[in-house]
C-alpha atoms as a PDB file:
ATOM      1  CA  MET A   1      45.766  19.565  14.358  1.00  0.00           C
ATOM      2  CA  LEU A   2      47.764  18.877  11.241  1.00  0.00           C
ATOM      3  CA  GLU A   3      49.454  21.772   9.495  1.00  0.00           C
ATOM      4  CA  TRP A   4      48.725  21.995   5.784  1.00  0.00           C
ATOM      5  CA  GLY A   5      50.504  24.074   3.182  1.00  0.00           C
ATOM      6  CA  ASN A   6      49.071  24.790  -0.238  1.00  0.00           C
ATOM      7  CA  MET A   7      50.558  21.570  -1.618  1.00  0.00           C
ATOM      8  CA  GLY A   8      49.025  19.528   1.174  1.00  0.00           C
ATOM      9  CA  LEU A   9      45.600  21.037   0.613  1.00  0.00           C
ATOM     10  CA  ALA A  10      45.918  20.479  -3.124  1.00  0.00           C
ATOM     11  CA  ARG A  11      46.636  16.796  -2.489  1.00  0.00           C
ATOM     12  CA  GLU A  12      43.640  16.545  -0.149  1.00  0.00           C
ATOM     13  CA  LYS A  13      41.429  18.144  -2.795  1.00  0.00           C
ATOM     14  CA  THR A  14      42.687  15.817  -5.534  1.00  0.00           C
ATOM     15  CA  GLN A  15      42.123  12.783  -3.341  1.00  0.00           C
ATOM     16  CA  PHE A  16      38.641  13.889  -2.284  1.00  0.00           C
ATOM     17  CA  LYS A  17      37.694  14.508  -5.911  1.00  0.00           C
ATOM     18  CA  LYS A  18      38.876  11.029  -6.841  1.00  0.00           C
ATOM     19  CA  ILE A  19      36.909   9.241  -4.127  1.00  0.00           C
ATOM     20  CA  LEU A  20      33.796  11.378  -4.680  1.00  0.00           C
ATOM     21  CA  LYS A  21      33.817  10.480  -8.378  1.00  0.00           C
ATOM     22  CA  GLY A  22      34.248   6.828  -7.472  1.00  0.00           C
ATOM     23  CA  PHE A  23      31.349   7.091  -5.030  1.00  0.00           C
ATOM     24  CA  ALA A  24      29.105   8.656  -7.685  1.00  0.00           C
ATOM     25  CA  GLU A  25      29.750   5.662  -9.938  1.00  0.00           C
ATOM     26  CA  THR A  26      28.325   3.317  -7.272  1.00  0.00           C
ATOM     27  CA  LEU A  27      25.080   5.188  -6.599  1.00  0.00           C
ATOM     28  CA  ASP A  28      23.038   3.508  -9.290  1.00  0.00           C
ATOM     29  CA  VAL A  29      22.979   0.314  -7.196  1.00  0.00           C
ATOM     30  CA  GLY A  30      20.010   0.434  -4.845  1.00  0.00           C
ATOM     31  CA  VAL A  31      18.638   3.642  -6.353  1.00  0.00           C
ATOM     32  CA  SER A  32      17.462   2.112  -9.615  1.00  0.00           C
ATOM     33  CA  ALA A  33      15.660  -1.194 -10.177  1.00  0.00           C
ATOM     34  CA  THR A  34      16.766  -3.709 -12.806  1.00  0.00           C
ATOM     35  CA  ASP A  35      14.532  -2.028 -15.404  1.00  0.00           C
ATOM     36  CA  ARG A  36      16.407   1.283 -14.869  1.00  0.00           C
ATOM     37  CA  GLU A  37      13.344   2.828 -13.208  1.00  0.00           C
ATOM     38  CA  TRP A  38      13.810   4.696  -9.923  1.00  0.00           C
ATOM     39  CA  ALA A  39      13.388   2.268  -7.017  1.00  0.00           C
ATOM     40  CA  VAL A  40      11.186   4.812  -5.221  1.00  0.00           C
ATOM     41  CA  LYS A  41       7.559   4.217  -6.199  1.00  0.00           C
ATOM     42  CA  GLY A  42       5.752   6.537  -3.790  1.00  0.00           C
ATOM     43  CA  PHE A  43       5.186   6.883  -0.068  1.00  0.00           C
ATOM     44  CA  ILE A  44       3.386   4.524   2.257  1.00  0.00           C
ATOM     45  CA  ASP A  45       1.023   5.107   5.178  1.00  0.00           C
ATOM     46  CA  ALA A  46       0.347   3.021   8.298  1.00  0.00           C
ATOM     47  CA  PHE A  47      -2.459   1.222   6.471  1.00  0.00           C
ATOM     48  CA  ARG A  48      -0.057  -0.077   3.805  1.00  0.00           C
ATOM     49  CA  ASN A  49      -1.419   2.229   1.125  1.00  0.00           C
ATOM     50  CA  ILE A  50       1.097   3.565  -1.418  1.00  0.00           C
ATOM     51  CA  TYR A  51       0.577   7.039  -2.855  1.00  0.00           C
ATOM     52  CA  THR A  52       2.379   7.871  -6.083  1.00  0.00           C
ATOM     53  CA  ILE A  53       4.584  10.966  -6.086  1.00  0.00           C
ATOM     54  CA  SER A  54       4.585  13.949  -8.400  1.00  0.00           C
ATOM     55  CA  ALA A  55       7.169  14.400 -11.142  1.00  0.00           C
ATOM     56  CA  ASP A  56       7.683  17.973  -9.921  1.00  0.00           C
ATOM     57  CA  THR A  57      11.432  18.629  -9.979  1.00  0.00           C
ATOM     58  CA  LYS A  58      11.564  19.957  -6.409  1.00  0.00           C
ATOM     59  CA  ILE A  59       9.767  16.900  -5.049  1.00  0.00           C
ATOM     60  CA  VAL A  60      11.927  14.471  -7.033  1.00  0.00           C
ATOM     61  CA  SER A  61      15.073  16.296  -5.948  1.00  0.00           C
ATOM     62  CA  LYS A  62      14.218  16.213  -2.248  1.00  0.00           C
ATOM     63  CA  ILE A  63      13.160  12.566  -2.182  1.00  0.00           C
ATOM     64  CA  LEU A  64      16.247  11.558  -4.161  1.00  0.00           C
ATOM     65  CA  GLU A  65      18.406  13.370  -1.585  1.00  0.00           C
ATOM     66  CA  ILE A  66      16.690  11.468   1.231  1.00  0.00           C
ATOM     67  CA  HIS A  67      17.147   8.231  -0.705  1.00  0.00           C
ATOM     68  CA  LEU A  68      20.888   8.888  -1.059  1.00  0.00           C
ATOM     69  CA  PHE A  69      21.553  10.116   2.472  1.00  0.00           C
ATOM     70  CA  PRO A  70      22.367   6.727   4.120  1.00  0.00           C
ATOM     71  CA  LYS A  71      24.874   6.107   1.325  1.00  0.00           C
ATOM     72  CA  LEU A  72      26.409   9.543   1.884  1.00  0.00           C
ATOM     73  CA  LEU A  73      26.806   8.865   5.598  1.00  0.00           C
ATOM     74  CA  ASP A  74      28.459   5.525   4.915  1.00  0.00           C
ATOM     75  CA  PHE A  75      30.760   7.065   2.305  1.00  0.00           C
ATOM     76  CA  ALA A  76      31.818   9.863   4.682  1.00  0.00           C
ATOM     77  CA  THR A  77      32.595   7.473   7.547  1.00  0.00           C
ATOM     78  CA  LYS A  78      34.608   5.082   5.383  1.00  0.00           C
ATOM     79  CA  SER A  79      36.514   7.981   3.785  1.00  0.00           C
ATOM     80  CA  GLY A  80      37.513   9.630   7.063  1.00  0.00           C
ATOM     81  CA  TYR A  81      35.048  12.527   7.119  1.00  0.00           C
ATOM     82  CA  ARG A  82      32.079  13.629   9.143  1.00  0.00           C
ATOM     83  CA  ILE A  83      29.064  15.326   7.615  1.00  0.00           C
ATOM     84  CA  VAL A  84      27.692  18.746   8.579  1.00  0.00           C
ATOM     85  CA  LEU A  85      24.305  19.574   7.073  1.00  0.00           C
ATOM     86  CA  ALA A  86      23.260  23.137   6.229  1.00  0.00           C
ATOM     87  CA  ASP A  87      21.579  24.819   9.189  1.00  0.00           C
ATOM     88  CA  HIS A  88      18.970  26.436   6.961  1.00  0.00           C
ATOM     89  CA  GLN A  89      17.281  25.424   3.709  1.00  0.00           C
ATOM     90  CA  ASN A  90      18.743  28.317   1.698  1.00  0.00           C
ATOM     91  CA  TYR A  91      22.285  27.908   3.002  1.00  0.00           C
ATOM     92  CA  TYR A  92      25.237  26.819   0.891  1.00  0.00           C
ATOM     93  CA  PRO A  93      26.325  24.044   0.627  1.00  0.00           C
ATOM     94  CA  ASP A  94      23.896  21.176   1.139  1.00  0.00           C
ATOM     95  CA  ILE A  95      26.588  19.099   2.846  1.00  0.00           C
ATOM     96  CA  THR A  96      29.985  19.928   4.337  1.00  0.00           C
ATOM     97  CA  PHE A  97      32.514  17.102   4.592  1.00  0.00           C
ATOM     98  CA  VAL A  98      34.933  17.757   7.465  1.00  0.00           C
ATOM     99  CA  SER A  99      38.128  15.733   7.728  1.00  0.00           C
ATOM    100  CA  ALA A 100      38.358  13.594  10.868  1.00  0.00           C
ATOM    101  CA  LYS A 101      42.140  14.118  10.853  1.00  0.00           C
ATOM    102  CA  ASP A 102      42.047  17.903  10.569  1.00  0.00           C
ATOM    103  CA  GLU A 103      38.838  19.903  10.943  1.00  0.00           C
ATOM    104  CA  SER A 104      40.331  22.786   8.982  1.00  0.00           C
ATOM    105  CA  VAL A 105      39.992  20.626   5.858  1.00  0.00           C
ATOM    106  CA  LYS A 106      36.440  21.038   4.604  1.00  0.00           C
ATOM    107  CA  PHE A 107      34.743  20.265   1.301  1.00  0.00           C
ATOM    108  CA  ALA A 108      31.473  21.814   0.130  1.00  0.00           C
ATOM    109  CA  VAL A 109      29.206  19.364  -1.705  1.00  0.00           C
ATOM    110  CA  ASP A 110      25.982  20.560  -3.293  1.00  0.00           C
ATOM    111  CA  LEU A 111      23.460  17.942  -4.412  1.00  0.00           C
ATOM    112  CA  LYS A 112      22.114  18.706  -7.885  1.00  0.00           C
ATOM    113  CA  THR A 113      19.431  17.012  -9.961  1.00  0.00           C
ATOM    114  CA  THR A 114      18.117  17.787 -13.421  1.00  0.00           C
ATOM    115  CA  TYR A 115      16.230  16.050 -16.216  1.00  0.00           C
ATOM    116  CA  ARG A 116      17.088  15.241 -19.810  1.00  0.00           C
ATOM    117  CA  LEU A 117      15.294  17.290 -22.455  1.00  0.00           C
ATOM    118  CA  PRO A 118      12.883  14.909 -24.233  1.00  0.00           C
ATOM    119  CA  LYS A 119      13.528  16.381 -27.692  1.00  0.00           C
ATOM    120  CA  PHE A 120      17.282  16.693 -27.078  1.00  0.00           C
ATOM    121  CA  PRO A 121      18.292  13.686 -24.915  1.00  0.00           C
ATOM    122  CA  ASN A 122      21.975  14.635 -25.006  1.00  0.00           C
ATOM    123  CA  PHE A 123      21.123  17.821 -23.114  1.00  0.00           C
ATOM    124  CA  CYS A 124      19.564  18.537 -19.732  1.00  0.00           C
ATOM    125  CA  ASN A 125      17.582  21.368 -18.206  1.00  0.00           C
ATOM    126  CA  GLY A 126      20.611  22.557 -16.231  1.00  0.00           C
ATOM    127  CA  PHE A 127      20.794  23.765 -12.634  1.00  0.00           C
ATOM    128  CA  THR A 128      22.217  26.538 -10.501  1.00  0.00           C
ATOM    129  CA  LEU A 129      25.613  26.337  -8.802  1.00  0.00           C
ATOM    130  CA  GLY A 130      25.048  28.640  -5.864  1.00  0.00           C
ATOM    131  CA  SER A 131      25.057  32.396  -5.458  1.00  0.00           C
ATOM    132  CA  HIS A 132      27.654  34.767  -6.898  1.00  0.00           C
ATOM    133  CA  GLY A 133      26.655  37.420  -4.368  1.00  0.00           C
ATOM    134  CA  SER A 134      26.979  37.673  -0.567  1.00  0.00           C
ATOM    135  CA  TYR A 135      29.168  34.752   0.623  1.00  0.00           C
ATOM    136  CA  PHE A 136      30.810  34.319  -2.811  1.00  0.00           C
ATOM    137  CA  LYS A 137      32.153  37.881  -2.744  1.00  0.00           C
ATOM    138  CA  GLU A 138      32.691  38.292   0.991  1.00  0.00           C
ATOM    139  CA  ARG A 139      34.525  35.049   1.508  1.00  0.00           C
ATOM    140  CA  ASP A 140      35.328  35.510   5.158  1.00  0.00           C
ATOM    141  CA  LYS A 141      31.670  36.055   6.139  1.00  0.00           C
ATOM    142  CA  LYS A 142      28.958  33.550   7.097  1.00  0.00           C
ATOM    143  CA  LYS A 143      25.874  35.041   5.469  1.00  0.00           C
ATOM    144  CA  ASN A 144      23.782  32.236   3.905  1.00  0.00           C
ATOM    145  CA  ILE A 145      26.665  29.767   4.090  1.00  0.00           C
ATOM    146  CA  GLN A 146      27.516  27.064   6.632  1.00  0.00           C
ATOM    147  CA  PHE A 147      31.182  28.081   6.916  1.00  0.00           C
ATOM    148  CA  PRO A 148      32.923  31.050   5.247  1.00  0.00           C
ATOM    149  CA  TYR A 149      33.652  30.319   1.585  1.00  0.00           C
ATOM    150  CA  ASN A 150      37.398  30.574   2.136  1.00  0.00           C
ATOM    151  CA  ASP A 151      37.242  27.860   4.801  1.00  0.00           C
ATOM    152  CA  TYR A 152      36.515  25.259   2.149  1.00  0.00           C
ATOM    153  CA  THR A 153      39.383  23.422   0.484  1.00  0.00           C
ATOM    154  CA  GLY A 154      37.166  22.650  -2.505  1.00  0.00           C
ATOM    155  CA  HIS A 155      33.655  23.126  -3.862  1.00  0.00           C
ATOM    156  CA  PHE A 156      31.967  20.140  -5.499  1.00  0.00           C
ATOM    157  CA  CYS A 157      28.697  19.029  -7.070  1.00  0.00           C
ATOM    158  CA  LEU A 158      27.284  15.552  -6.659  1.00  0.00           C
ATOM    159  CA  GLY A 159      24.556  15.297  -9.246  1.00  0.00           C
ATOM    160  CA  ALA A 160      21.957  13.133 -10.912  1.00  0.00           C
ATOM    161  CA  ILE A 161      20.606  13.460 -14.451  1.00  0.00           C
ATOM    162  CA  TYR A 162      17.428  11.531 -15.151  1.00  0.00           C
ATOM    163  CA  SER A 163      14.669  11.034 -17.700  1.00  0.00           C
ATOM    164  CA  ARG A 164      11.085  11.835 -16.830  1.00  0.00           C
ATOM    165  CA  THR A 165       8.550   9.077 -17.380  1.00  0.00           C
ATOM    166  CA  ASP A 166       5.850   9.892 -19.922  1.00  0.00           C
ATOM    167  CA  SER A 167       3.105  11.663 -17.965  1.00  0.00           C
ATOM    168  CA  GLY A 168       0.505   9.444 -19.636  1.00  0.00           C
ATOM    169  CA  SER A 169       1.927   6.499 -17.686  1.00  0.00           C
ATOM    170  CA  ILE A 170       1.549   8.207 -14.290  1.00  0.00           C
ATOM    171  CA  ASP A 171      -1.707   8.571 -12.353  1.00  0.00           C
ATOM    172  CA  GLU A 172      -1.025  10.776  -9.331  1.00  0.00           C
ATOM    173  CA  THR A 173      -4.607  10.338  -8.070  1.00  0.00           C
ATOM    174  CA  ARG A 174      -4.391   6.568  -7.714  1.00  0.00           C
ATOM    175  CA  VAL A 175      -3.673   4.767  -4.440  1.00  0.00           C
ATOM    176  CA  PHE A 176      -2.075   1.300  -4.528  1.00  0.00           C
ATOM    177  CA  ARG A 177      -1.973  -1.499  -2.014  1.00  0.00           C
ATOM    178  CA  ILE A 178       1.435  -2.794  -0.956  1.00  0.00           C
ATOM    179  CA  ASP A 179       0.976  -6.048  -2.913  1.00  0.00           C
ATOM    180  CA  LYS A 180       0.734  -3.962  -6.126  1.00  0.00           C
ATOM    181  CA  LEU A 181       4.104  -2.288  -5.565  1.00  0.00           C
ATOM    182  CA  LYS A 182       5.751  -3.708  -8.691  1.00  0.00           C
ATOM    183  CA  SER A 183       2.936  -2.450 -10.912  1.00  0.00           C
ATOM    184  CA  ILE A 184       3.589   1.203  -9.992  1.00  0.00           C
ATOM    185  CA  VAL A 185       5.431   3.156 -12.690  1.00  0.00           C
ATOM    186  CA  SER A 186       8.262   5.304 -11.321  1.00  0.00           C
ATOM    187  CA  VAL A 187       8.151   9.011 -12.170  1.00  0.00           C
ATOM    188  CA  ILE A 188      11.810   9.023 -13.278  1.00  0.00           C
ATOM    189  CA  LYS A 189      14.212   6.516 -14.844  1.00  0.00           C
ATOM    190  CA  ASP A 190      17.709   6.113 -16.346  1.00  0.00           C
ATOM    191  CA  ILE A 191      19.418   8.018 -13.527  1.00  0.00           C
ATOM    192  CA  GLN A 192      23.036   8.934 -14.229  1.00  0.00           C
ATOM    193  CA  PHE A 193      25.210  10.218 -11.380  1.00  0.00           C
ATOM    194  CA  PHE A 194      28.266  12.452 -11.606  1.00  0.00           C
ATOM    195  CA  ALA A 195      30.685  14.329  -9.366  1.00  0.00           C
ATOM    196  CA  CYS A 196      32.924  17.268 -10.259  1.00  0.00           C
ATOM    197  CA  GLU A 197      34.213  20.586  -9.008  1.00  0.00           C
ATOM    198  CA  LYS A 198      31.681  23.387  -9.250  1.00  0.00           C
ATOM    199  CA  TRP A 199      33.773  25.576 -11.527  1.00  0.00           C
ATOM    200  CA  GLU A 200      34.251  22.738 -14.010  1.00  0.00           C
ATOM    201  CA  ILE A 201      30.596  22.742 -15.104  1.00  0.00           C
ATOM    202  CA  ALA A 202      29.851  26.450 -14.790  1.00  0.00           C
ATOM    203  CA  SER A 203      28.572  28.580 -17.635  1.00  0.00           C
ATOM    204  CA  ASP A 204      29.100  32.344 -17.872  1.00  0.00           C
ATOM    205  CA  SER A 205      25.370  33.085 -17.541  1.00  0.00           C
ATOM    206  CA  GLN A 206      23.097  33.314 -14.533  1.00  0.00           C
ATOM    207  CA  GLY A 207      21.080  30.233 -13.777  1.00  0.00           C
ATOM    208  CA  SER A 208      17.658  31.591 -12.933  1.00  0.00           C
ATOM    209  CA  GLY A 209      15.900  34.842 -13.720  1.00  0.00           C
ATOM    210  CA  ASN A 210      17.024  37.875 -11.774  1.00  0.00           C
ATOM    211  CA  THR A 211      18.519  35.961  -8.856  1.00  0.00           C
ATOM    212  CA  ALA A 212      22.272  36.028  -8.356  1.00  0.00           C
ATOM    213  CA  ASN A 213      22.868  32.358  -9.151  1.00  0.00           C
ATOM    214  CA  ILE A 214      25.627  30.837 -11.256  1.00  0.00           C
ATOM    215  CA  GLY A 215      24.264  28.794 -14.150  1.00  0.00           C
ATOM    216  CA  SER A 216      25.528  25.428 -15.331  1.00  0.00           C
ATOM    217  CA  ILE A 217      26.303  24.115 -18.785  1.00  0.00           C
ATOM    218  CA  VAL A 218      23.605  21.859 -20.293  1.00  0.00           C
ATOM    219  CA  SER A 219      25.407  19.329 -22.506  1.00  0.00           C
ATOM    220  CA  ILE A 220      25.315  16.057 -20.571  1.00  0.00           C
ATOM    221  CA  GLN A 221      28.627  14.832 -21.971  1.00  0.00           C
ATOM    222  CA  ASP A 222      30.285  18.157 -21.130  1.00  0.00           C
ATOM    223  CA  ILE A 223      28.953  17.885 -17.573  1.00  0.00           C
ATOM    224  CA  LEU A 224      30.325  14.355 -17.212  1.00  0.00           C
ATOM    225  CA  ASP A 225      33.692  15.484 -18.629  1.00  0.00           C
ATOM    226  CA  GLY A 226      33.841  18.755 -16.671  1.00  0.00           C
ATOM    227  CA  ASN A 227      33.974  20.823 -19.860  1.00  0.00           C
ATOM    228  CA  GLY A 228      32.502  24.127 -18.705  1.00  0.00           C
ATOM    229  CA  VAL A 229      33.306  27.552 -20.134  1.00  0.00           C
ATOM    230  CA  PHE A 230      36.280  27.918 -17.752  1.00  0.00           C
ATOM    231  CA  LYS A 231      37.888  24.634 -18.828  1.00  0.00           C
ATOM    232  CA  LYS A 232      40.951  26.332 -20.375  1.00  0.00           C
ATOM    233  CA  LEU A 233      41.193  28.975 -17.646  1.00  0.00           C
ATOM    234  CA  GLY A 234      40.790  27.292 -14.280  1.00  0.00           C
ATOM    235  CA  GLU A 235      39.086  28.036 -10.983  1.00  0.00           C
ATOM    236  CA  LYS A 236      40.775  31.385 -10.335  1.00  0.00           C
ATOM    237  CA  TRP A 237      39.260  32.874 -13.484  1.00  0.00           C
ATOM    238  CA  PHE A 238      35.893  31.354 -12.547  1.00  0.00           C
ATOM    239  CA  ASP A 239      36.094  33.102  -9.168  1.00  0.00           C
ATOM    240  CA  ASP A 240      37.278  36.391 -10.650  1.00  0.00           C
ATOM    241  CA  TYR A 241      34.597  36.466 -13.358  1.00  0.00           C
ATOM    242  CA  TRP A 242      31.664  35.653 -11.095  1.00  0.00           C
ATOM    243  CA  MET A 243      32.778  37.996  -8.308  1.00  0.00           C
ATOM    244  CA  ASN A 244      32.665  40.793 -10.892  1.00  0.00           C
ATOM    245  CA  TYR A 245      29.656  39.602 -12.893  1.00  0.00           C
ATOM    246  CA  GLY A 246      27.565  42.575 -14.047  1.00  0.00           C
ATOM    247  CA  GLU A 247      29.704  45.020 -12.061  1.00  0.00           C
ATOM    248  CA  ILE A 248      31.926  46.301 -14.886  1.00  0.00           C
ATOM    249  CA  THR A 249      30.553  48.690 -17.527  1.00  0.00           C
ATOM    250  CA  ILE A 250      32.067  49.017 -20.993  1.00  0.00           C
ATOM    251  CA  THR A 251      31.176  51.120 -24.036  1.00  0.00           C
ATOM    252  CA  ARG A 252      30.001  49.226 -27.106  1.00  0.00           C
ATOM    253  CA  GLY A 253      28.512  50.832 -30.196  1.00  0.00           C
ATOM    254  CA  GLY A 254      28.291  54.129 -28.355  1.00  0.00           C
ATOM    255  CA  LYS A 255      26.233  52.545 -25.565  1.00  0.00           C
ATOM    256  CA  GLN A 256      27.104  51.627 -22.000  1.00  0.00           C
ATOM    257  CA  CYS A 257      26.628  47.954 -21.166  1.00  0.00           C
ATOM    258  CA  LYS A 258      27.590  45.654 -18.318  1.00  0.00           C
ATOM    259  CA  ILE A 259      29.894  42.702 -18.829  1.00  0.00           C
ATOM    260  CA  THR A 260      27.923  39.450 -18.556  1.00  0.00           C
ATOM    261  CA  LYS A 261      29.896  37.287 -20.982  1.00  0.00           C
ATOM    262  CA  LEU A 262      33.228  35.634 -20.329  1.00  0.00           C
ATOM    263  CA  ARG A 263      34.703  36.584 -23.719  1.00  0.00           C
ATOM    264  CA  ASP A 264      34.007  40.258 -22.986  1.00  0.00           C
ATOM    265  CA  TYR A 265      35.503  39.920 -19.512  1.00  0.00           C
ATOM    266  CA  LEU A 266      38.686  38.304 -20.822  1.00  0.00           C
ATOM    267  CA  GLU A 267      39.039  41.017 -23.461  1.00  0.00           C
ATOM    268  CA  PHE A 268      38.515  43.709 -20.814  1.00  0.00           C
ATOM    269  CA  LYS A 269      41.267  42.075 -18.719  1.00  0.00           C
ATOM    270  CA  GLY A 270      43.633  41.950 -21.696  1.00  0.00           C
ATOM    271  CA  HIS A 271      43.389  38.167 -21.909  1.00  0.00           C
ATOM    272  CA  ASP A 272      42.710  35.972 -24.936  1.00  0.00           C
ATOM    273  CA  PRO A 273      38.888  35.783 -25.326  1.00  0.00           C
ATOM    274  CA  ASN A 274      39.252  32.539 -27.275  1.00  0.00           C
ATOM    275  CA  LEU A 275      40.097  30.798 -24.005  1.00  0.00           C
ATOM    276  CA  ALA A 276      36.401  30.974 -23.111  1.00  0.00           C
ATOM    277  CA  ARG A 277      35.017  27.583 -24.097  1.00  0.00           C
ATOM    278  CA  PRO A 278      31.759  27.935 -26.079  1.00  0.00           C
ATOM    279  CA  VAL A 279      28.628  26.568 -24.432  1.00  0.00           C
ATOM    280  CA  ASN A 280      27.251  23.569 -26.297  1.00  0.00           C
ATOM    281  CA  ARG A 281      23.480  24.065 -26.557  1.00  0.00           C
ATOM    282  CA  PRO A 282      20.729  22.056 -28.258  1.00  0.00           C
ATOM    283  CA  ARG A 283      19.949  23.210 -31.778  1.00  0.00           C
ATOM    284  CA  LYS A 284      16.346  23.547 -32.806  1.00  0.00           C
ATOM    285  CA  GLU A 285      15.228  21.189 -35.514  1.00  0.00           C
ATOM    286  CA  LYS A 286      15.087  22.766 -38.932  1.00  0.00           C
ATOM    287  CA  SER A 287      11.654  23.517 -40.280  1.00  0.00           C
ATOM    288  CA  ASN A 288      10.468  21.561 -43.339  1.00  0.00           C
ATOM    289  CA  GLU A 289       8.850  24.657 -44.764  1.00  0.00           C
END
């Protein structure tokens, strides 16, 4: 086994990030047809009938993952890694890349998909970036995670942002014969892939309801550029903030409240709150009234 110091691991992380980004740029080939529609049209049975798929985000996400998997395997082999899939559906991450040279070098890669907002095409619906509870706080434990969090040299997202096809063009009840394949309208189109470190696209708000999930930023350009709220602070502040999210109580206006904003957290820590990058959100159109 090779011995790695912090500098060696940092180099491995930088190199993995570079090749993962390069890989993301190649994914459009074979996934999209020449008209920018998704190449997947539905699923076929033994009688050569094609059934159109639903535009439901969970269905699209899962099928897109299956569609990409052969490419992921090929990428891992050519890059000197082997793939370990999550043992359970709710485990983090989706895929672990383990170095063939040194199995202590591991990279977490979560597959993320989201759709562009029709009224605000420069923004997307966003996604979650994993839990900020259990394994995120107890980083030497294996609860709901493939390997302990601290075992990973880096944590990455490989994502796809797409546009939904107008629902009026999709008939989920219709069955097509194989010779009519080209006439089937895909449920998504204009797929744009990206790869980045998880902390680079994190917001300072939870991603879904009452669950302990880290939310993402929603500006598509900021996602592609890695311009999350921790951009000026780095991964250590991302870790520190989310490990303490909602755990610290401060007094404001004579009332007790929990810290759930990065600016408040930085101020509490005696750090410059202006280092929290504002989240770029879609602005509602002004009323004509």
